[in-house]
Amino acid sequence: MNQLVFLADAGATGGAMSWTWMIGYIIIIGGLFYFMAIRPQKKQQKQMNALISSLEIGDSVLTTSGFYGVVIDVMDDVIIVEFGNNKNCRIPMKKSAVVEVEKPGSEENK
């Protein structure tokens, strides 16, 4: 009878060990997912917010649709961009449509 109690205790301990390992694996996989997916995306979003907040009149911008233009007015969520040399081609668009910004004096530094 003592042997049965010993075997039952060994089985319970083995089950607890497998749960511990399983929880450890889940924590490791969650950590890897955070450092490989979530953290870089947050860093990229922070850079994009800094780019959008630095928009000023006269900046050359590249939009998500691939058009290059010059910012002629900046509002809260909307900018007005002039495309080409034609002064009549002014389009309002959301700030989030901007992918790249080039400041007017940045070409001289190259």
PDB file of N, CA and C in Angstrom:
ATOM      1  N   MET A   1       0.813  -1.178   0.000  1.00  0.00           N
ATOM      2  CA  MET A   1       0.000   0.000   0.000  1.00  0.00           C
ATOM      3  C   MET A   1       0.863   1.251   0.000  1.00  0.00           C
ATOM      4  N   ASN A   2       1.983   1.226   0.665  1.00  0.00           N
ATOM      5  CA  ASN A   2       2.902   2.350   0.653  1.00  0.00           C
ATOM      6  C   ASN A   2       3.431   2.609  -0.756  1.00  0.00           C
ATOM      7  N   GLN A   3       3.590   1.541  -1.521  1.00  0.00           N
ATOM      8  CA  GLN A   3       4.082   1.694  -2.879  1.00  0.00           C
ATOM      9  C   GLN A   3       3.060   2.422  -3.759  1.00  0.00           C
ATOM     10  N   LEU A   4       1.764   2.159  -3.558  1.00  0.00           N
ATOM     11  CA  LEU A   4       0.733   2.825  -4.347  1.00  0.00           C
ATOM     12  C   LEU A   4       0.704   4.325  -4.070  1.00  0.00           C
ATOM     13  N   VAL A   5       0.881   4.698  -2.825  1.00  0.00           N
ATOM     14  CA  VAL A   5       0.894   6.107  -2.474  1.00  0.00           C
ATOM     15  C   VAL A   5       2.107   6.776  -3.103  1.00  0.00           C
ATOM     16  N   PHE A   6       3.250   6.091  -3.069  1.00  0.00           N
ATOM     17  CA  PHE A   6       4.470   6.634  -3.659  1.00  0.00           C
ATOM     18  C   PHE A   6       4.310   6.826  -5.164  1.00  0.00           C
ATOM     19  N   LEU A   7       3.704   5.851  -5.848  1.00  0.00           N
ATOM     20  CA  LEU A   7       3.494   5.954  -7.290  1.00  0.00           C
ATOM     21  C   LEU A   7       2.507   7.074  -7.625  1.00  0.00           C
ATOM     22  N   ALA A   8       1.481   7.245  -6.818  1.00  0.00           N
ATOM     23  CA  ALA A   8       0.518   8.311  -7.067  1.00  0.00           C
ATOM     24  C   ALA A   8       1.178   9.675  -6.890  1.00  0.00           C
ATOM     25  N   ASP A   9       2.048   9.814  -5.876  1.00  0.00           N
ATOM     26  CA  ASP A   9       2.750  11.065  -5.674  1.00  0.00           C
ATOM     27  C   ASP A   9       3.705  11.359  -6.827  1.00  0.00           C
ATOM     28  N   ALA A  10       4.357  10.337  -7.336  1.00  0.00           N
ATOM     29  CA  ALA A  10       5.287  10.533  -8.451  1.00  0.00           C
ATOM     30  C   ALA A  10       4.534  10.988  -9.693  1.00  0.00           C
ATOM     31  N   GLY A  11       3.357  10.457  -9.933  1.00  0.00           N
ATOM     32  CA  GLY A  11       2.555  10.867 -11.086  1.00  0.00           C
ATOM     33  C   GLY A  11       2.085  12.297 -10.958  1.00  0.00           C
ATOM     34  N   ALA A  12       1.715  12.709  -9.778  1.00  0.00           N
ATOM     35  CA  ALA A  12       1.266  14.077  -9.559  1.00  0.00           C
ATOM     36  C   ALA A  12       2.411  15.052  -9.744  1.00  0.00           C
ATOM     37  N   THR A  13       3.601  14.686  -9.283  1.00  0.00           N
ATOM     38  CA  THR A  13       4.760  15.548  -9.441  1.00  0.00           C
ATOM     39  C   THR A  13       5.140  15.663 -10.916  1.00  0.00           C
ATOM     40  N   GLY A  14       5.077  14.568 -11.637  1.00  0.00           N
ATOM     41  CA  GLY A  14       5.390  14.600 -13.067  1.00  0.00           C
ATOM     42  C   GLY A  14       4.415  15.470 -13.832  1.00  0.00           C
ATOM     43  N   GLY A  15       3.149  15.460 -13.461  1.00  0.00           N
ATOM     44  CA  GLY A  15       2.156  16.302 -14.108  1.00  0.00           C
ATOM     45  C   GLY A  15       2.408  17.775 -13.843  1.00  0.00           C
ATOM     46  N   ALA A  16       2.827  18.087 -12.621  1.00  0.00           N
ATOM     47  CA  ALA A  16       3.121  19.477 -12.287  1.00  0.00           C
ATOM     48  C   ALA A  16       4.356  19.959 -13.044  1.00  0.00           C
ATOM     49  N   MET A  17       5.312  19.094 -13.238  1.00  0.00           N
ATOM     50  CA  MET A  17       6.517  19.456 -13.988  1.00  0.00           C
ATOM     51  C   MET A  17       6.169  19.756 -15.444  1.00  0.00           C
ATOM     52  N   SER A  18       5.259  18.978 -16.042  1.00  0.00           N
ATOM     53  CA  SER A  18       4.913  19.220 -17.443  1.00  0.00           C
ATOM     54  C   SER A  18       4.160  20.548 -17.593  1.00  0.00           C
ATOM     55  N   TRP A  19       3.312  20.898 -16.636  1.00  0.00           N
ATOM     56  CA  TRP A  19       2.626  22.182 -16.681  1.00  0.00           C
ATOM     57  C   TRP A  19       3.611  23.325 -16.545  1.00  0.00           C
ATOM     58  N   THR A  20       4.610  23.158 -15.692  1.00  0.00           N
ATOM     59  CA  THR A  20       5.627  24.190 -15.511  1.00  0.00           C
ATOM     60  C   THR A  20       6.393  24.412 -16.813  1.00  0.00           C
ATOM     61  N   TRP A  21       6.766  23.328 -17.470  1.00  0.00           N
ATOM     62  CA  TRP A  21       7.482  23.447 -18.744  1.00  0.00           C
ATOM     63  C   TRP A  21       6.599  24.098 -19.806  1.00  0.00           C
ATOM     64  N   MET A  22       5.333  23.725 -19.822  1.00  0.00           N
ATOM     65  CA  MET A  22       4.421  24.277 -20.815  1.00  0.00           C
ATOM     66  C   MET A  22       4.254  25.791 -20.595  1.00  0.00           C
ATOM     67  N   ILE A  23       4.083  26.218 -19.385  1.00  0.00           N
ATOM     68  CA  ILE A  23       3.957  27.636 -19.087  1.00  0.00           C
ATOM     69  C   ILE A  23       5.257  28.368 -19.434  1.00  0.00           C
ATOM     70  N   GLY A  24       6.386  27.736 -19.158  1.00  0.00           N
ATOM     71  CA  GLY A  24       7.686  28.329 -19.523  1.00  0.00           C
ATOM     72  C   GLY A  24       7.817  28.522 -21.025  1.00  0.00           C
ATOM     73  N   TYR A  25       7.401  27.519 -21.806  1.00  0.00           N
ATOM     74  CA  TYR A  25       7.451  27.644 -23.265  1.00  0.00           C
ATOM     75  C   TYR A  25       6.540  28.762 -23.755  1.00  0.00           C
ATOM     76  N   ILE A  26       5.361  28.877 -23.176  1.00  0.00           N
ATOM     77  CA  ILE A  26       4.425  29.927 -23.584  1.00  0.00           C
ATOM     78  C   ILE A  26       5.022  31.305 -23.290  1.00  0.00           C
ATOM     79  N   ILE A  27       5.656  31.457 -22.142  1.00  0.00           N
ATOM     80  CA  ILE A  27       6.285  32.735 -21.796  1.00  0.00           C
ATOM     81  C   ILE A  27       7.429  33.056 -22.759  1.00  0.00           C
ATOM     82  N   ILE A  28       8.230  32.064 -23.097  1.00  0.00           N
ATOM     83  CA  ILE A  28       9.349  32.269 -24.032  1.00  0.00           C
ATOM     84  C   ILE A  28       8.827  32.654 -25.417  1.00  0.00           C
ATOM     85  N   ILE A  29       7.814  31.967 -25.899  1.00  0.00           N
ATOM     86  CA  ILE A  29       7.257  32.273 -27.217  1.00  0.00           C
ATOM     87  C   ILE A  29       6.617  33.660 -27.211  1.00  0.00           C
ATOM     88  N   GLY A  30       5.920  34.004 -26.130  1.00  0.00           N
ATOM     89  CA  GLY A  30       5.339  35.344 -26.017  1.00  0.00           C
ATOM     90  C   GLY A  30       6.405  36.419 -26.024  1.00  0.00           C
ATOM     91  N   GLY A  31       7.521  36.184 -25.327  1.00  0.00           N
ATOM     92  CA  GLY A  31       8.628  37.139 -25.320  1.00  0.00           C
ATOM     93  C   GLY A  31       9.244  37.304 -26.698  1.00  0.00           C
ATOM     94  N   LEU A  32       9.448  36.205 -27.398  1.00  0.00           N
ATOM     95  CA  LEU A  32       9.979  36.276 -28.761  1.00  0.00           C
ATOM     96  C   LEU A  32       9.029  37.046 -29.680  1.00  0.00           C
ATOM     97  N   PHE A  33       7.747  36.771 -29.552  1.00  0.00           N
ATOM     98  CA  PHE A  33       6.756  37.472 -30.376  1.00  0.00           C
ATOM     99  C   PHE A  33       6.797  38.970 -30.103  1.00  0.00           C
ATOM    100  N   TYR A  34       6.929  39.349 -28.837  1.00  0.00           N
ATOM    101  CA  TYR A  34       6.985  40.767 -28.486  1.00  0.00           C
ATOM    102  C   TYR A  34       8.212  41.426 -29.105  1.00  0.00           C
ATOM    103  N   PHE A  35       9.387  40.813 -28.959  1.00  0.00           N
ATOM    104  CA  PHE A  35      10.616  41.442 -29.440  1.00  0.00           C
ATOM    105  C   PHE A  35      10.775  41.369 -30.958  1.00  0.00           C
ATOM    106  N   MET A  36      10.076  40.458 -31.630  1.00  0.00           N
ATOM    107  CA  MET A  36      10.217  40.345 -33.074  1.00  0.00           C
ATOM    108  C   MET A  36       9.079  41.023 -33.847  1.00  0.00           C
ATOM    109  N   ALA A  37       7.931  41.254 -33.210  1.00  0.00           N
ATOM    110  CA  ALA A  37       6.802  41.815 -33.949  1.00  0.00           C
ATOM    111  C   ALA A  37       6.281  43.107 -33.341  1.00  0.00           C
ATOM    112  N   ILE A  38       5.969  43.108 -32.091  1.00  0.00           N
ATOM    113  CA  ILE A  38       5.291  44.256 -31.493  1.00  0.00           C
ATOM    114  C   ILE A  38       6.241  45.424 -31.277  1.00  0.00           C
ATOM    115  N   ARG A  39       7.404  45.179 -30.717  1.00  0.00           N
ATOM    116  CA  ARG A  39       8.346  46.262 -30.404  1.00  0.00           C
ATOM    117  C   ARG A  39       8.822  47.016 -31.655  1.00  0.00           C
ATOM    118  N   PRO A  40       9.234  46.324 -32.733  1.00  0.00           N
ATOM    119  CA  PRO A  40       9.635  47.067 -33.946  1.00  0.00           C
ATOM    120  C   PRO A  40       8.491  47.869 -34.553  1.00  0.00           C
ATOM    121  N   GLN A  41       7.265  47.343 -34.469  1.00  0.00           N
ATOM    122  CA  GLN A  41       6.133  48.067 -35.020  1.00  0.00           C
ATOM    123  C   GLN A  41       5.866  49.339 -34.221  1.00  0.00           C
ATOM    124  N   LYS A  42       5.987  49.278 -32.904  1.00  0.00           N
ATOM    125  CA  LYS A  42       5.812  50.475 -32.080  1.00  0.00           C
ATOM    126  C   LYS A  42       6.902  51.500 -32.379  1.00  0.00           C
ATOM    127  N   LYS A  43       8.125  51.038 -32.609  1.00  0.00           N
ATOM    128  CA  LYS A  43       9.229  51.943 -32.934  1.00  0.00           C
ATOM    129  C   LYS A  43       8.963  52.629 -34.273  1.00  0.00           C
ATOM    130  N   GLN A  44       8.492  51.875 -35.252  1.00  0.00           N
ATOM    131  CA  GLN A  44       8.185  52.443 -36.562  1.00  0.00           C
ATOM    132  C   GLN A  44       7.036  53.444 -36.462  1.00  0.00           C
ATOM    133  N   GLN A  45       6.030  53.146 -35.651  1.00  0.00           N
ATOM    134  CA  GLN A  45       4.903  54.057 -35.482  1.00  0.00           C
ATOM    135  C   GLN A  45       5.352  55.355 -34.813  1.00  0.00           C
ATOM    136  N   LYS A  46       6.274  55.252 -33.864  1.00  0.00           N
ATOM    137  CA  LYS A  46       6.796  56.445 -33.191  1.00  0.00           C
ATOM    138  C   LYS A  46       7.557  57.324 -34.185  1.00  0.00           C
ATOM    139  N   GLN A  47       8.353  56.709 -35.069  1.00  0.00           N
ATOM    140  CA  GLN A  47       9.083  57.464 -36.091  1.00  0.00           C
ATOM    141  C   GLN A  47       8.119  58.132 -37.068  1.00  0.00           C
ATOM    142  N   MET A  48       7.051  57.437 -37.434  1.00  0.00           N
ATOM    143  CA  MET A  48       6.068  57.991 -38.364  1.00  0.00           C
ATOM    144  C   MET A  48       5.345  59.176 -37.735  1.00  0.00           C
ATOM    145  N   ASN A  49       5.002  59.080 -36.456  1.00  0.00           N
ATOM    146  CA  ASN A  49       4.352  60.201 -35.766  1.00  0.00           C
ATOM    147  C   ASN A  49       5.273  61.409 -35.690  1.00  0.00           C
ATOM    148  N   ALA A  50       6.567  61.181 -35.472  1.00  0.00           N
ATOM    149  CA  ALA A  50       7.532  62.286 -35.445  1.00  0.00           C
ATOM    150  C   ALA A  50       7.650  62.925 -36.822  1.00  0.00           C
ATOM    151  N   LEU A  51       7.635  62.116 -37.866  1.00  0.00           N
ATOM    152  CA  LEU A  51       7.710  62.618 -39.239  1.00  0.00           C
ATOM    153  C   LEU A  51       6.497  63.481 -39.562  1.00  0.00           C
ATOM    154  N   ILE A  52       5.315  63.002 -39.200  1.00  0.00           N
ATOM    155  CA  ILE A  52       4.082  63.732 -39.495  1.00  0.00           C
ATOM    156  C   ILE A  52       4.016  65.035 -38.697  1.00  0.00           C
ATOM    157  N   SER A  53       4.468  64.997 -37.453  1.00  0.00           N
ATOM    158  CA  SER A  53       4.398  66.211 -36.634  1.00  0.00           C
ATOM    159  C   SER A  53       5.416  67.268 -37.077  1.00  0.00           C
ATOM    160  N   SER A  54       6.427  66.860 -37.842  1.00  0.00           N
ATOM    161  CA  SER A  54       7.445  67.819 -38.286  1.00  0.00           C
ATOM    162  C   SER A  54       7.113  68.446 -39.642  1.00  0.00           C
ATOM    163  N   LEU A  55       5.943  68.161 -40.191  1.00  0.00           N
ATOM    164  CA  LEU A  55       5.564  68.738 -41.487  1.00  0.00           C
ATOM    165  C   LEU A  55       5.421  70.248 -41.383  1.00  0.00           C
ATOM    166  N   GLU A  56       6.001  70.944 -42.359  1.00  0.00           N
ATOM    167  CA  GLU A  56       5.935  72.400 -42.413  1.00  0.00           C
ATOM    168  C   GLU A  56       5.657  72.830 -43.847  1.00  0.00           C
ATOM    169  N   ILE A  57       5.250  74.053 -43.996  1.00  0.00           N
ATOM    170  CA  ILE A  57       5.005  74.609 -45.333  1.00  0.00           C
ATOM    171  C   ILE A  57       6.334  74.669 -46.089  1.00  0.00           C
ATOM    172  N   GLY A  58       6.320  74.209 -47.320  1.00  0.00           N
ATOM    173  CA  GLY A  58       7.515  74.212 -48.154  1.00  0.00           C
ATOM    174  C   GLY A  58       8.239  72.877 -48.203  1.00  0.00           C
ATOM    175  N   ASP A  59       7.853  71.916 -47.370  1.00  0.00           N
ATOM    176  CA  ASP A  59       8.484  70.598 -47.384  1.00  0.00           C
ATOM    177  C   ASP A  59       8.070  69.819 -48.625  1.00  0.00           C
ATOM    178  N   SER A  60       9.020  69.088 -49.201  1.00  0.00           N
ATOM    179  CA  SER A  60       8.703  68.176 -50.293  1.00  0.00           C
ATOM    180  C   SER A  60       8.314  66.845 -49.671  1.00  0.00           C
ATOM    181  N   VAL A  61       7.201  66.268 -50.135  1.00  0.00           N
ATOM    182  CA  VAL A  61       6.698  65.032 -49.548  1.00  0.00           C
ATOM    183  C   VAL A  61       6.461  63.986 -50.629  1.00  0.00           C
ATOM    184  N   LEU A  62       6.541  62.736 -50.224  1.00  0.00           N
ATOM    185  CA  LEU A  62       6.159  61.599 -51.053  1.00  0.00           C
ATOM    186  C   LEU A  62       4.940  60.990 -50.395  1.00  0.00           C
ATOM    187  N   THR A  63       3.860  60.802 -51.166  1.00  0.00           N
ATOM    188  CA  THR A  63       2.624  60.256 -50.610  1.00  0.00           C
ATOM    189  C   THR A  63       2.595  58.738 -50.765  1.00  0.00           C
ATOM    190  N   THR A  64       1.629  58.113 -50.114  1.00  0.00           N
ATOM    191  CA  THR A  64       1.497  56.659 -50.205  1.00  0.00           C
ATOM    192  C   THR A  64       1.150  56.206 -51.614  1.00  0.00           C
ATOM    193  N   SER A  65       0.576  57.100 -52.425  1.00  0.00           N
ATOM    194  CA  SER A  65       0.240  56.746 -53.802  1.00  0.00           C
ATOM    195  C   SER A  65       1.405  56.957 -54.764  1.00  0.00           C
ATOM    196  N   GLY A  66       2.535  57.477 -54.261  1.00  0.00           N
ATOM    197  CA  GLY A  66       3.723  57.615 -55.083  1.00  0.00           C
ATOM    198  C   GLY A  66       3.909  58.972 -55.717  1.00  0.00           C
ATOM    199  N   PHE A  67       3.113  59.951 -55.344  1.00  0.00           N
ATOM    200  CA  PHE A  67       3.222  61.290 -55.906  1.00  0.00           C
ATOM    201  C   PHE A  67       4.140  62.147 -55.050  1.00  0.00           C
ATOM    202  N   TYR A  68       4.964  62.952 -55.721  1.00  0.00           N
ATOM    203  CA  TYR A  68       5.803  63.932 -55.039  1.00  0.00           C
ATOM    204  C   TYR A  68       5.119  65.280 -55.119  1.00  0.00           C
ATOM    205  N   GLY A  69       5.152  66.037 -54.024  1.00  0.00           N
ATOM    206  CA  GLY A  69       4.542  67.348 -54.019  1.00  0.00           C
ATOM    207  C   GLY A  69       5.163  68.230 -52.956  1.00  0.00           C
ATOM    208  N   VAL A  70       4.672  69.455 -52.888  1.00  0.00           N
ATOM    209  CA  VAL A  70       5.166  70.430 -51.926  1.00  0.00           C
ATOM    210  C   VAL A  70       4.000  70.846 -51.031  1.00  0.00           C
ATOM    211  N   VAL A  71       4.234  70.855 -49.732  1.00  0.00           N
ATOM    212  CA  VAL A  71       3.198  71.230 -48.770  1.00  0.00           C
ATOM    213  C   VAL A  71       3.007  72.741 -48.833  1.00  0.00           C
ATOM    214  N   ILE A  72       1.750  73.182 -49.022  1.00  0.00           N
ATOM    215  CA  ILE A  72       1.484  74.619 -49.062  1.00  0.00           C
ATOM    216  C   ILE A  72       0.620  75.071 -47.888  1.00  0.00           C
ATOM    217  N   ASP A  73       0.009  74.130 -47.146  1.00  0.00           N
ATOM    218  CA  ASP A  73      -0.762  74.490 -45.968  1.00  0.00           C
ATOM    219  C   ASP A  73      -0.826  73.283 -45.040  1.00  0.00           C
ATOM    220  N   VAL A  74      -0.730  73.533 -43.734  1.00  0.00           N
ATOM    221  CA  VAL A  74      -0.777  72.474 -42.731  1.00  0.00           C
ATOM    222  C   VAL A  74      -1.885  72.797 -41.743  1.00  0.00           C
ATOM    223  N   MET A  75      -2.812  71.839 -41.565  1.00  0.00           N
ATOM    224  CA  MET A  75      -3.883  71.981 -40.586  1.00  0.00           C
ATOM    225  C   MET A  75      -3.753  70.851 -39.562  1.00  0.00           C
ATOM    226  N   ASP A  76      -4.794  70.626 -38.766  1.00  0.00           N
ATOM    227  CA  ASP A  76      -4.719  69.607 -37.717  1.00  0.00           C
ATOM    228  C   ASP A  76      -4.423  68.213 -38.279  1.00  0.00           C
ATOM    229  N   ASP A  77      -5.332  67.670 -39.079  1.00  0.00           N
ATOM    230  CA  ASP A  77      -5.160  66.327 -39.642  1.00  0.00           C
ATOM    231  C   ASP A  77      -4.975  66.330 -41.148  1.00  0.00           C
ATOM    232  N   VAL A  78      -5.064  67.487 -41.756  1.00  0.00           N
ATOM    233  CA  VAL A  78      -5.047  67.594 -43.216  1.00  0.00           C
ATOM    234  C   VAL A  78      -3.936  68.540 -43.646  1.00  0.00           C
ATOM    235  N   ILE A  79      -3.308  68.193 -44.774  1.00  0.00           N
ATOM    236  CA  ILE A  79      -2.348  69.096 -45.410  1.00  0.00           C
ATOM    237  C   ILE A  79      -2.810  69.331 -46.843  1.00  0.00           C
ATOM    238  N   ILE A  80      -2.432  70.449 -47.402  1.00  0.00           N
ATOM    239  CA  ILE A  80      -2.728  70.721 -48.813  1.00  0.00           C
ATOM    240  C   ILE A  80      -1.397  70.651 -49.549  1.00  0.00           C
ATOM    241  N   VAL A  81      -1.366  69.775 -50.554  1.00  0.00           N
ATOM    242  CA  VAL A  81      -0.137  69.510 -51.298  1.00  0.00           C
ATOM    243  C   VAL A  81      -0.312  69.980 -52.726  1.00  0.00           C
ATOM    244  N   GLU A  82       0.707  70.653 -53.243  1.00  0.00           N
ATOM    245  CA  GLU A  82       0.719  71.132 -54.621  1.00  0.00           C
ATOM    246  C   GLU A  82       1.592  70.176 -55.433  1.00  0.00           C
ATOM    247  N   PHE A  83       1.020  69.651 -56.505  1.00  0.00           N
ATOM    248  CA  PHE A  83       1.727  68.696 -57.347  1.00  0.00           C
ATOM    249  C   PHE A  83       2.138  69.351 -58.651  1.00  0.00           C
ATOM    250  N   GLY A  84       3.394  69.180 -59.042  1.00  0.00           N
ATOM    251  CA  GLY A  84       3.874  69.715 -60.308  1.00  0.00           C
ATOM    252  C   GLY A  84       4.038  71.214 -60.280  1.00  0.00           C
ATOM    253  N   ASN A  85       4.277  71.782 -61.459  1.00  0.00           N
ATOM    254  CA  ASN A  85       4.471  73.227 -61.580  1.00  0.00           C
ATOM    255  C   ASN A  85       3.158  73.971 -61.744  1.00  0.00           C
ATOM    256  N   ASN A  86       2.087  73.244 -61.976  1.00  0.00           N
ATOM    257  CA  ASN A  86       0.783  73.859 -62.173  1.00  0.00           C
ATOM    258  C   ASN A  86       0.235  74.301 -60.820  1.00  0.00           C
ATOM    259  N   LYS A  87       0.007  75.591 -60.664  1.00  0.00           N
ATOM    260  CA  LYS A  87      -0.471  76.127 -59.392  1.00  0.00           C
ATOM    261  C   LYS A  87      -1.914  75.735 -59.097  1.00  0.00           C
ATOM    262  N   ASN A  88      -2.616  75.175 -60.081  1.00  0.00           N
ATOM    263  CA  ASN A  88      -4.012  74.788 -59.884  1.00  0.00           C
ATOM    264  C   ASN A  88      -4.155  73.355 -59.383  1.00  0.00           C
ATOM    265  N   CYS A  89      -3.084  72.635 -59.273  1.00  0.00           N
ATOM    266  CA  CYS A  89      -3.151  71.238 -58.845  1.00  0.00           C
ATOM    267  C   CYS A  89      -2.811  71.151 -57.348  1.00  0.00           C
ATOM    268  N   ARG A  90      -3.762  71.527 -56.531  1.00  0.00           N
ATOM    269  CA  ARG A  90      -3.605  71.506 -55.075  1.00  0.00           C
ATOM    270  C   ARG A  90      -4.624  70.535 -54.510  1.00  0.00           C
ATOM    271  N   ILE A  91      -4.148  69.560 -53.768  1.00  0.00           N
ATOM    272  CA  ILE A  91      -5.022  68.506 -53.266  1.00  0.00           C
ATOM    273  C   ILE A  91      -4.910  68.418 -51.749  1.00  0.00           C
ATOM    274  N   PRO A  92      -6.037  68.488 -51.041  1.00  0.00           N
ATOM    275  CA  PRO A  92      -6.000  68.255 -49.597  1.00  0.00           C
ATOM    276  C   PRO A  92      -5.915  66.751 -49.324  1.00  0.00           C
ATOM    277  N   MET A  93      -5.107  66.371 -48.366  1.00  0.00           N
ATOM    278  CA  MET A  93      -4.984  64.954 -47.999  1.00  0.00           C
ATOM    279  C   MET A  93      -4.654  64.840 -46.524  1.00  0.00           C
ATOM    280  N   LYS A  94      -4.896  63.653 -45.990  1.00  0.00           N
ATOM    281  CA  LYS A  94      -4.596  63.408 -44.584  1.00  0.00           C
ATOM    282  C   LYS A  94      -3.082  63.343 -44.391  1.00  0.00           C
ATOM    283  N   LYS A  95      -2.651  63.740 -43.218  1.00  0.00           N
ATOM    284  CA  LYS A  95      -1.217  63.702 -42.907  1.00  0.00           C
ATOM    285  C   LYS A  95      -0.682  62.278 -42.925  1.00  0.00           C
ATOM    286  N   SER A  96      -1.528  61.309 -42.617  1.00  0.00           N
ATOM    287  CA  SER A  96      -1.085  59.914 -42.582  1.00  0.00           C
ATOM    288  C   SER A  96      -0.754  59.365 -43.972  1.00  0.00           C
ATOM    289  N   ALA A  97      -1.106  60.101 -45.039  1.00  0.00           N
ATOM    290  CA  ALA A  97      -0.791  59.670 -46.405  1.00  0.00           C
ATOM    291  C   ALA A  97       0.643  60.008 -46.802  1.00  0.00           C
ATOM    292  N   VAL A  98       1.373  60.690 -45.934  1.00  0.00           N
ATOM    293  CA  VAL A  98       2.760  61.068 -46.230  1.00  0.00           C
ATOM    294  C   VAL A  98       3.687  59.940 -45.812  1.00  0.00           C
ATOM    295  N   VAL A  99       4.584  59.557 -46.703  1.00  0.00           N
ATOM    296  CA  VAL A  99       5.535  58.482 -46.421  1.00  0.00           C
ATOM    297  C   VAL A  99       6.918  59.037 -46.118  1.00  0.00           C
ATOM    298  N   GLU A 100       7.363  60.032 -46.905  1.00  0.00           N
ATOM    299  CA  GLU A 100       8.687  60.632 -46.721  1.00  0.00           C
ATOM    300  C   GLU A 100       8.575  62.147 -46.751  1.00  0.00           C
ATOM    301  N   VAL A 101       9.456  62.786 -46.017  1.00  0.00           N
ATOM    302  CA  VAL A 101       9.513  64.251 -45.995  1.00  0.00           C
ATOM    303  C   VAL A 101      10.940  64.678 -46.256  1.00  0.00           C
ATOM    304  N   GLU A 102      11.105  65.658 -47.147  1.00  0.00           N
ATOM    305  CA  GLU A 102      12.422  66.225 -47.407  1.00  0.00           C
ATOM    306  C   GLU A 102      12.343  67.724 -47.151  1.00  0.00           C
ATOM    307  N   LYS A 103      13.126  68.170 -46.208  1.00  0.00           N
ATOM    308  CA  LYS A 103      13.147  69.593 -45.864  1.00  0.00           C
ATOM    309  C   LYS A 103      13.833  70.384 -46.983  1.00  0.00           C
ATOM    310  N   PRO A 104      13.458  71.647 -47.200  1.00  0.00           N
ATOM    311  CA  PRO A 104      14.017  72.421 -48.322  1.00  0.00           C
ATOM    312  C   PRO A 104      15.533  72.550 -48.305  1.00  0.00           C
ATOM    313  N   GLY A 105      16.186  72.695 -47.161  1.00  0.00           N
ATOM    314  CA  GLY A 105      17.627  72.901 -47.112  1.00  0.00           C
ATOM    315  C   GLY A 105      18.447  71.630 -47.029  1.00  0.00           C
ATOM    316  N   SER A 106      17.805  70.468 -47.097  1.00  0.00           N
ATOM    317  CA  SER A 106      18.550  69.216 -46.901  1.00  0.00           C
ATOM    318  C   SER A 106      19.401  68.837 -48.109  1.00  0.00           C
ATOM    319  N   GLU A 107      19.121  69.351 -49.303  1.00  0.00           N
ATOM    320  CA  GLU A 107      19.899  69.005 -50.496  1.00  0.00           C
ATOM    321  C   GLU A 107      21.278  69.642 -50.444  1.00  0.00           C
ATOM    322  N   GLU A 108      21.409  70.767 -49.783  1.00  0.00           N
ATOM    323  CA  GLU A 108      22.702  71.457 -49.703  1.00  0.00           C
ATOM    324  C   GLU A 108      23.702  70.679 -48.846  1.00  0.00           C
ATOM    325  N   ASN A 109      23.209  69.886 -47.901  1.00  0.00           N
ATOM    326  CA  ASN A 109      24.090  69.142 -46.994  1.00  0.00           C
ATOM    327  C   ASN A 109      24.705  67.918 -47.628  1.00  0.00           C
ATOM    328  N   LYS A 110      24.191  67.487 -48.775  1.00  0.00           N
ATOM    329  CA  LYS A 110      24.688  66.249 -49.401  1.00  0.00           C
ATOM    330  C   LYS A 110      25.976  66.440 -50.115  1.00  0.00           C
TER     331      LYS A 110
END
